[in-house]
Amino acid sequence: MKKLTIALISGGISSEREVSLNSGSQVFEALDKSKYTVLRYDPKTDLPKLMADAAAIDAALVILHGPYGEDGTIQGMLDLLGIPYQGAGVLGSALAMNKLAAKQLYESAGLPVAPYLCVRQMDSFDGDACIETLGLPLVIKPVSGGSSIGMSIVKSREELGDALRMAFEYDSRSVMIEAFIPGIEITAGVIGNDRLEVMPLIEIVPGEGYEFFDYGAKYTAGATQEICPARIDEALAEKARHYARVAHEALFLRGYSRTDFILKDDEFYVLETNTIPGMTRTSLLPQAAEAAGMSFAQLLDRLIALSIEDHQHRRTA
């Protein structure tokens, strides 16, 4: 069987560059070299080389996070070059990256979300009115971005200004303010193109010293307990699986995704959907795949196959 030439794209220029490079290295190690010739590209330096090599590339694995990697930018370039790639296309990537657009689509699809406001940097802002509307605590986050970078929990009126300033450092246009919902964090991975399969659910328990699943809790070894399958009953698990499928479809996604929820009083509130979930061996989606009997290498095989399948379908549609 002919080996496929795979473009492994990681690094980039977002604030999540180091996470992306680490994920890319682990993906490179896991890929079966008897099946694939793997060429590595960093968009920070290697875009001309990627363009020059395009005709020889069978598929790409995009292991990028944040702006210019997870927002549809690189996906559009790959579309122009005719290279299949795993996961969402330009539309789905852009929608999922923009938390306001995603919230509106979740609501249109009937999914529960936390009450929220969106503030633009150019607008005047009434903190007292915001607190009167949403209460305290509040969750402040950039509208565009990932890995909880720029996100904070505000417990008093006095903390609000600093939290907004920090969030605007990562999104100069708009910031989302949400009512804080205490509960159990659950994540659900979805894989497939036309037929969607939901991976075993994972319960996320940040360790002491972490108010929520922030950047440190995500990437500090041992900081968070990740329990798979999640410790919830089957009726609730089926509701979460249904919501994960609905979120995936509401954002026009393909290939795979991972949707995060807060569970409170037997209801799941959608937090966000990741179109390029973390892809180290111990990341959440690979953990869920392993619980479903799929090794990290097999998960990568599946994503590559789905990318080629979707590309062929779009070319013949």
Foldseek 3Di string as FASTA:
>chain_A
DDAAEEEEEAQEDAPCRVLRVVLSVQLVVLADVVRYDYDYDYVVPCPVVCLVCLVRHAAYEQSYFFPCRQQQNVLVVCVVSLHFYFKFHNQLSNQQQQQVSLVVLCVVLVAAAFDKDKDFPVDDDDLVVVCVVQNDFKWKAARGGDQQQLIDTRGDSVCVVVSNVSRCVNPVTMMMIGRDDDAWKKKWKWFAFPDIDIFQIKTKAFAPPDPDCHNCSQPPPPRIDIDTNDPDDPVLRVVVSVSVVSSCVSSVMGGMKMWMWGDDPSGTHTDGIGRNFRRHCPGDVVVRCVVVVAHSNRSVVSRRVRRSVVSVVVVVD
